[in-house]
Amino acid sequence: MPTSICPECDEEVYVDAEIEQGDHVSCDECQSDLVVVGLDPIELDLREDSDDDDYSGDEDDYGSRDYDDDRL
């Protein structure tokens, strides 16, 4: 079974042989949520909070708008 190193606690993390880039795994030692960022060799990174996934960063919804001076 392939392994990698947890970026949080440096413990060995066992991953499925059929793992793909972008898959999520957990560290058994520190319970960190990890994401597969590389396959050869298998590299893991800390998974970002999913709360930020709902915000698209599009300023058209909430940002400033351009107005003509005549409209004021």
PDB file of N, CA and C in Angstrom:
ATOM      1  N   MET A   1       0.852  -1.177   0.000  1.00  0.00           N
ATOM      2  CA  MET A   1       0.000   0.000   0.000  1.00  0.00           C
ATOM      3  C   MET A   1       0.899   1.241   0.000  1.00  0.00           C
ATOM      4  N   PRO A   2       0.643   2.179  -0.913  1.00  0.00           N
ATOM      5  CA  PRO A   2       1.471   3.395  -0.994  1.00  0.00           C
ATOM      6  C   PRO A   2       1.325   4.254   0.267  1.00  0.00           C
ATOM      7  N   THR A   3       2.366   5.000   0.548  1.00  0.00           N
ATOM      8  CA  THR A   3       2.348   5.904   1.698  1.00  0.00           C
ATOM      9  C   THR A   3       2.897   7.265   1.301  1.00  0.00           C
ATOM     10  N   SER A   4       2.590   8.235   2.143  1.00  0.00           N
ATOM     11  CA  SER A   4       3.158   9.573   2.019  1.00  0.00           C
ATOM     12  C   SER A   4       3.338  10.102   3.428  1.00  0.00           C
ATOM     13  N   ILE A   5       3.806  11.308   3.556  1.00  0.00           N
ATOM     14  CA  ILE A   5       4.048  11.920   4.859  1.00  0.00           C
ATOM     15  C   ILE A   5       3.048  13.045   5.104  1.00  0.00           C
ATOM     16  N   CYS A   6       2.454  13.039   6.295  1.00  0.00           N
ATOM     17  CA  CYS A   6       1.514  14.101   6.672  1.00  0.00           C
ATOM     18  C   CYS A   6       2.290  15.403   6.838  1.00  0.00           C
ATOM     19  N   PRO A   7       1.865  16.480   6.155  1.00  0.00           N
ATOM     20  CA  PRO A   7       2.569  17.762   6.280  1.00  0.00           C
ATOM     21  C   PRO A   7       2.360  18.426   7.637  1.00  0.00           C
ATOM     22  N   GLU A   8       1.401  17.945   8.400  1.00  0.00           N
ATOM     23  CA  GLU A   8       1.103  18.536   9.707  1.00  0.00           C
ATOM     24  C   GLU A   8       1.936  17.898  10.822  1.00  0.00           C
ATOM     25  N   CYS A   9       1.990  16.550  10.866  1.00  0.00           N
ATOM     26  CA  CYS A   9       2.644  15.876  11.986  1.00  0.00           C
ATOM     27  C   CYS A   9       3.828  14.993  11.571  1.00  0.00           C
ATOM     28  N   ASP A  10       4.112  14.912  10.272  1.00  0.00           N
ATOM     29  CA  ASP A  10       5.232  14.133   9.731  1.00  0.00           C
ATOM     30  C   ASP A  10       5.100  12.623   9.917  1.00  0.00           C
ATOM     31  N   GLU A  11       3.892  12.141  10.186  1.00  0.00           N
ATOM     32  CA  GLU A  11       3.659  10.699  10.286  1.00  0.00           C
ATOM     33  C   GLU A  11       3.351  10.126   8.915  1.00  0.00           C
ATOM     34  N   GLU A  12       3.569   8.843   8.770  1.00  0.00           N
ATOM     35  CA  GLU A  12       3.282   8.157   7.522  1.00  0.00           C
ATOM     36  C   GLU A  12       1.768   8.015   7.345  1.00  0.00           C
ATOM     37  N   VAL A  13       1.284   8.316   6.149  1.00  0.00           N
ATOM     38  CA  VAL A  13      -0.143   8.201   5.827  1.00  0.00           C
ATOM     39  C   VAL A  13      -0.283   7.172   4.716  1.00  0.00           C
ATOM     40  N   TYR A  14      -1.098   6.156   4.970  1.00  0.00           N
ATOM     41  CA  TYR A  14      -1.353   5.121   3.962  1.00  0.00           C
ATOM     42  C   TYR A  14      -2.469   5.594   3.042  1.00  0.00           C
ATOM     43  N   VAL A  15      -2.260   5.438   1.738  1.00  0.00           N
ATOM     44  CA  VAL A  15      -3.264   5.847   0.755  1.00  0.00           C
ATOM     45  C   VAL A  15      -3.596   4.673  -0.148  1.00  0.00           C
ATOM     46  N   ASP A  16      -4.773   4.700  -0.722  1.00  0.00           N
ATOM     47  CA  ASP A  16      -5.233   3.663  -1.641  1.00  0.00           C
ATOM     48  C   ASP A  16      -4.360   3.659  -2.896  1.00  0.00           C
ATOM     49  N   ALA A  17      -4.095   2.488  -3.426  1.00  0.00           N
ATOM     50  CA  ALA A  17      -3.276   2.371  -4.632  1.00  0.00           C
ATOM     51  C   ALA A  17      -3.926   3.049  -5.833  1.00  0.00           C
ATOM     52  N   GLU A  18      -5.234   3.204  -5.803  1.00  0.00           N
ATOM     53  CA  GLU A  18      -5.972   3.817  -6.909  1.00  0.00           C
ATOM     54  C   GLU A  18      -6.235   5.307  -6.674  1.00  0.00           C
ATOM     55  N   ILE A  19      -5.502   5.930  -5.769  1.00  0.00           N
ATOM     56  CA  ILE A  19      -5.720   7.347  -5.437  1.00  0.00           C
ATOM     57  C   ILE A  19      -5.432   8.221  -6.654  1.00  0.00           C
ATOM     58  N   GLU A  20      -6.158   9.316  -6.744  1.00  0.00           N
ATOM     59  CA  GLU A  20      -5.976  10.265  -7.838  1.00  0.00           C
ATOM     60  C   GLU A  20      -5.703  11.647  -7.271  1.00  0.00           C
ATOM     61  N   GLN A  21      -5.071  12.489  -8.075  1.00  0.00           N
ATOM     62  CA  GLN A  21      -4.796  13.854  -7.658  1.00  0.00           C
ATOM     63  C   GLN A  21      -6.116  14.554  -7.357  1.00  0.00           C
ATOM     64  N   GLY A  22      -6.174  15.257  -6.230  1.00  0.00           N
ATOM     65  CA  GLY A  22      -7.380  15.955  -5.808  1.00  0.00           C
ATOM     66  C   GLY A  22      -8.202  15.161  -4.808  1.00  0.00           C
ATOM     67  N   ASP A  23      -7.912  13.856  -4.648  1.00  0.00           N
ATOM     68  CA  ASP A  23      -8.627  13.042  -3.659  1.00  0.00           C
ATOM     69  C   ASP A  23      -8.281  13.505  -2.252  1.00  0.00           C
ATOM     70  N   HIS A  24      -9.196  13.261  -1.324  1.00  0.00           N
ATOM     71  CA  HIS A  24      -9.001  13.667   0.058  1.00  0.00           C
ATOM     72  C   HIS A  24      -8.741  12.437   0.922  1.00  0.00           C
ATOM     73  N   VAL A  25      -7.824  12.573   1.857  1.00  0.00           N
ATOM     74  CA  VAL A  25      -7.497  11.522   2.818  1.00  0.00           C
ATOM     75  C   VAL A  25      -7.348  12.168   4.191  1.00  0.00           C
ATOM     76  N   SER A  26      -7.312  11.336   5.231  1.00  0.00           N
ATOM     77  CA  SER A  26      -7.118  11.823   6.592  1.00  0.00           C
ATOM     78  C   SER A  26      -5.896  11.168   7.200  1.00  0.00           C
ATOM     79  N   CYS A  27      -5.214  11.908   8.032  1.00  0.00           N
ATOM     80  CA  CYS A  27      -4.087  11.366   8.776  1.00  0.00           C
ATOM     81  C   CYS A  27      -4.640  10.665  10.016  1.00  0.00           C
ATOM     82  N   ASP A  28      -4.280   9.395  10.201  1.00  0.00           N
ATOM     83  CA  ASP A  28      -4.747   8.652  11.372  1.00  0.00           C
ATOM     84  C   ASP A  28      -4.153   9.175  12.667  1.00  0.00           C
ATOM     85  N   GLU A  29      -2.983   9.778  12.592  1.00  0.00           N
ATOM     86  CA  GLU A  29      -2.296  10.247  13.795  1.00  0.00           C
ATOM     87  C   GLU A  29      -2.865  11.571  14.311  1.00  0.00           C
ATOM     88  N   CYS A  30      -2.971  12.590  13.447  1.00  0.00           N
ATOM     89  CA  CYS A  30      -3.403  13.922  13.900  1.00  0.00           C
ATOM     90  C   CYS A  30      -4.793  14.315  13.391  1.00  0.00           C
ATOM     91  N   GLN A  31      -5.425  13.445  12.603  1.00  0.00           N
ATOM     92  CA  GLN A  31      -6.762  13.662  12.036  1.00  0.00           C
ATOM     93  C   GLN A  31      -6.857  14.871  11.108  1.00  0.00           C
ATOM     94  N   SER A  32      -5.739  15.302  10.545  1.00  0.00           N
ATOM     95  CA  SER A  32      -5.770  16.402   9.576  1.00  0.00           C
ATOM     96  C   SER A  32      -6.436  15.947   8.291  1.00  0.00           C
ATOM     97  N   ASP A  33      -7.213  16.844   7.691  1.00  0.00           N
ATOM     98  CA  ASP A  33      -7.786  16.592   6.370  1.00  0.00           C
ATOM     99  C   ASP A  33      -6.739  16.970   5.338  1.00  0.00           C
ATOM    100  N   LEU A  34      -6.430  16.023   4.449  1.00  0.00           N
ATOM    101  CA  LEU A  34      -5.365  16.220   3.472  1.00  0.00           C
ATOM    102  C   LEU A  34      -5.894  16.033   2.067  1.00  0.00           C
ATOM    103  N   VAL A  35      -5.206  16.624   1.101  1.00  0.00           N
ATOM    104  CA  VAL A  35      -5.549  16.480  -0.305  1.00  0.00           C
ATOM    105  C   VAL A  35      -4.306  15.998  -1.042  1.00  0.00           C
ATOM    106  N   VAL A  36      -4.513  15.114  -2.006  1.00  0.00           N
ATOM    107  CA  VAL A  36      -3.420  14.598  -2.815  1.00  0.00           C
ATOM    108  C   VAL A  36      -3.068  15.651  -3.861  1.00  0.00           C
ATOM    109  N   VAL A  37      -1.818  16.120  -3.829  1.00  0.00           N
ATOM    110  CA  VAL A  37      -1.382  17.149  -4.776  1.00  0.00           C
ATOM    111  C   VAL A  37      -0.364  16.628  -5.779  1.00  0.00           C
ATOM    112  N   GLY A  38       0.153  15.417  -5.552  1.00  0.00           N
ATOM    113  CA  GLY A  38       1.107  14.815  -6.475  1.00  0.00           C
ATOM    114  C   GLY A  38       0.987  13.302  -6.424  1.00  0.00           C
ATOM    115  N   LEU A  39       1.335  12.645  -7.528  1.00  0.00           N
ATOM    116  CA  LEU A  39       1.173  11.197  -7.602  1.00  0.00           C
ATOM    117  C   LEU A  39       2.479  10.423  -7.692  1.00  0.00           C
ATOM    118  N   ASP A  40       3.540  10.999  -8.189  1.00  0.00           N
ATOM    119  CA  ASP A  40       4.779  10.249  -8.375  1.00  0.00           C
ATOM    120  C   ASP A  40       5.976  11.100  -7.987  1.00  0.00           C
ATOM    121  N   PRO A  41       6.314  11.173  -6.720  1.00  0.00           N
ATOM    122  CA  PRO A  41       5.779  10.413  -5.589  1.00  0.00           C
ATOM    123  C   PRO A  41       4.483  11.031  -5.069  1.00  0.00           C
ATOM    124  N   ILE A  42       3.757  10.286  -4.260  1.00  0.00           N
ATOM    125  CA  ILE A  42       2.505  10.791  -3.686  1.00  0.00           C
ATOM    126  C   ILE A  42       2.835  11.913  -2.715  1.00  0.00           C
ATOM    127  N   GLU A  43       2.227  13.057  -2.946  1.00  0.00           N
ATOM    128  CA  GLU A  43       2.424  14.227  -2.092  1.00  0.00           C
ATOM    129  C   GLU A  43       1.078  14.669  -1.538  1.00  0.00           C
ATOM    130  N   LEU A  44       1.080  15.015  -0.259  1.00  0.00           N
ATOM    131  CA  LEU A  44      -0.132  15.466   0.423  1.00  0.00           C
ATOM    132  C   LEU A  44       0.053  16.891   0.912  1.00  0.00           C
ATOM    133  N   ASP A  45      -1.053  17.628   0.954  1.00  0.00           N
ATOM    134  CA  ASP A  45      -1.040  18.983   1.487  1.00  0.00           C
ATOM    135  C   ASP A  45      -2.269  19.118   2.370  1.00  0.00           C
ATOM    136  N   LEU A  46      -2.238  20.080   3.283  1.00  0.00           N
ATOM    137  CA  LEU A  46      -3.401  20.327   4.132  1.00  0.00           C
ATOM    138  C   LEU A  46      -4.568  20.794   3.280  1.00  0.00           C
ATOM    139  N   ARG A  47      -5.727  20.265   3.571  1.00  0.00           N
ATOM    140  CA  ARG A  47      -6.941  20.650   2.836  1.00  0.00           C
ATOM    141  C   ARG A  47      -7.421  21.992   3.362  1.00  0.00           C
ATOM    142  N   GLU A  48      -7.751  22.891   2.456  1.00  0.00           N
ATOM    143  CA  GLU A  48      -8.272  24.210   2.826  1.00  0.00           C
ATOM    144  C   GLU A  48      -9.698  24.063   3.345  1.00  0.00           C
ATOM    145  N   ASP A  49     -10.118  25.010   4.187  1.00  0.00           N
ATOM    146  CA  ASP A  49     -11.492  24.985   4.687  1.00  0.00           C
ATOM    147  C   ASP A  49     -12.464  25.083   3.534  1.00  0.00           C
ATOM    148  N   SER A  50     -13.527  24.289   3.583  1.00  0.00           N
ATOM    149  CA  SER A  50     -14.512  24.286   2.508  1.00  0.00           C
ATOM    150  C   SER A  50     -15.479  25.456   2.616  1.00  0.00           C
ATOM    151  N   ASP A  51     -15.440  26.232   3.730  1.00  0.00           N
ATOM    152  CA  ASP A  51     -16.326  27.388   3.878  1.00  0.00           C
ATOM    153  C   ASP A  51     -16.055  28.436   2.806  1.00  0.00           C
ATOM    154  N   ASP A  52     -14.811  28.518   2.334  1.00  0.00           N
ATOM    155  CA  ASP A  52     -14.446  29.513   1.333  1.00  0.00           C
ATOM    156  C   ASP A  52     -14.893  29.114  -0.064  1.00  0.00           C
ATOM    157  N   ASP A  53     -15.291  27.851  -0.263  1.00  0.00           N
ATOM    158  CA  ASP A  53     -15.653  27.372  -1.593  1.00  0.00           C
ATOM    159  C   ASP A  53     -16.921  28.020  -2.131  1.00  0.00           C
ATOM    160  N   ASP A  54     -17.795  28.523  -1.236  1.00  0.00           N
ATOM    161  CA  ASP A  54     -19.053  29.114  -1.687  1.00  0.00           C
ATOM    162  C   ASP A  54     -18.847  30.504  -2.275  1.00  0.00           C
ATOM    163  N   TYR A  55     -17.790  31.194  -1.925  1.00  0.00           N
ATOM    164  CA  TYR A  55     -17.543  32.546  -2.411  1.00  0.00           C
ATOM    165  C   TYR A  55     -16.734  32.474  -3.695  1.00  0.00           C
ATOM    166  N   SER A  56     -17.266  33.037  -4.742  1.00  0.00           N
ATOM    167  CA  SER A  56     -16.602  32.971  -6.036  1.00  0.00           C
ATOM    168  C   SER A  56     -15.592  34.094  -6.223  1.00  0.00           C
ATOM    169  N   GLY A  57     -15.637  35.116  -5.360  1.00  0.00           N
ATOM    170  CA  GLY A  57     -14.714  36.229  -5.495  1.00  0.00           C
ATOM    171  C   GLY A  57     -15.116  37.199  -6.585  1.00  0.00           C
ATOM    172  N   ASP A  58     -16.322  37.101  -7.085  1.00  0.00           N
ATOM    173  CA  ASP A  58     -16.807  37.935  -8.166  1.00  0.00           C
ATOM    174  C   ASP A  58     -17.301  39.259  -7.594  1.00  0.00           C
ATOM    175  N   GLU A  59     -16.635  40.367  -7.915  1.00  0.00           N
ATOM    176  CA  GLU A  59     -17.012  41.662  -7.361  1.00  0.00           C
ATOM    177  C   GLU A  59     -18.291  42.214  -7.957  1.00  0.00           C
ATOM    178  N   ASP A  60     -18.770  41.656  -9.048  1.00  0.00           N
ATOM    179  CA  ASP A  60     -20.002  42.161  -9.651  1.00  0.00           C
ATOM    180  C   ASP A  60     -21.183  42.031  -8.708  1.00  0.00           C
ATOM    181  N   ASP A  61     -21.166  41.053  -7.821  1.00  0.00           N
ATOM    182  CA  ASP A  61     -22.282  40.864  -6.903  1.00  0.00           C
ATOM    183  C   ASP A  61     -22.219  41.809  -5.714  1.00  0.00           C
ATOM    184  N   TYR A  62     -21.005  42.114  -5.222  1.00  0.00           N
ATOM    185  CA  TYR A  62     -20.884  42.864  -3.983  1.00  0.00           C
ATOM    186  C   TYR A  62     -19.974  44.077  -4.068  1.00  0.00           C
ATOM    187  N   GLY A  63     -19.216  44.197  -5.109  1.00  0.00           N
ATOM    188  CA  GLY A  63     -18.220  45.256  -5.205  1.00  0.00           C
ATOM    189  C   GLY A  63     -18.798  46.575  -5.644  1.00  0.00           C
ATOM    190  N   SER A  64     -17.922  47.531  -5.849  1.00  0.00           N
ATOM    191  CA  SER A  64     -18.346  48.852  -6.264  1.00  0.00           C
ATOM    192  C   SER A  64     -18.814  48.821  -7.712  1.00  0.00           C
ATOM    193  N   ARG A  65     -19.670  49.730  -8.043  1.00  0.00           N
ATOM    194  CA  ARG A  65     -20.201  49.837  -9.398  1.00  0.00           C
ATOM    195  C   ARG A  65     -19.817  51.195  -9.968  1.00  0.00           C
ATOM    196  N   ASP A  66     -19.686  51.252 -11.269  1.00  0.00           N
ATOM    197  CA  ASP A  66     -19.388  52.516 -11.925  1.00  0.00           C
ATOM    198  C   ASP A  66     -20.697  53.232 -12.238  1.00  0.00           C
ATOM    199  N   TYR A  67     -20.820  54.486 -11.810  1.00  0.00           N
ATOM    200  CA  TYR A  67     -22.002  55.282 -12.086  1.00  0.00           C
ATOM    201  C   TYR A  67     -21.579  56.563 -12.797  1.00  0.00           C
ATOM    202  N   ASP A  68     -22.439  57.025 -13.677  1.00  0.00           N
ATOM    203  CA  ASP A  68     -22.208  58.317 -14.315  1.00  0.00           C
ATOM    204  C   ASP A  68     -22.499  59.416 -13.309  1.00  0.00           C
ATOM    205  N   ASP A  69     -21.761  60.526 -13.408  1.00  0.00           N
ATOM    206  CA  ASP A  69     -21.968  61.649 -12.490  1.00  0.00           C
ATOM    207  C   ASP A  69     -23.370  62.243 -12.628  1.00  0.00           C
ATOM    208  N   ASP A  70     -24.015  62.098 -13.782  1.00  0.00           N
ATOM    209  CA  ASP A  70     -25.348  62.644 -14.009  1.00  0.00           C
ATOM    210  C   ASP A  70     -26.398  61.934 -13.162  1.00  0.00           C
ATOM    211  N   ARG A  71     -26.142  60.751 -12.721  1.00  0.00           N
ATOM    212  CA  ARG A  71     -27.134  59.971 -11.981  1.00  0.00           C
ATOM    213  C   ARG A  71     -27.194  60.378 -10.528  1.00  0.00           C
ATOM    214  N   LEU A  72     -26.242  61.126 -10.012  1.00  0.00           N
ATOM    215  CA  LEU A  72     -26.217  61.494  -8.600  1.00  0.00           C
ATOM    216  C   LEU A  72     -27.161  62.574  -8.310  1.00  0.00           C
TER     217      LEU A  72
END
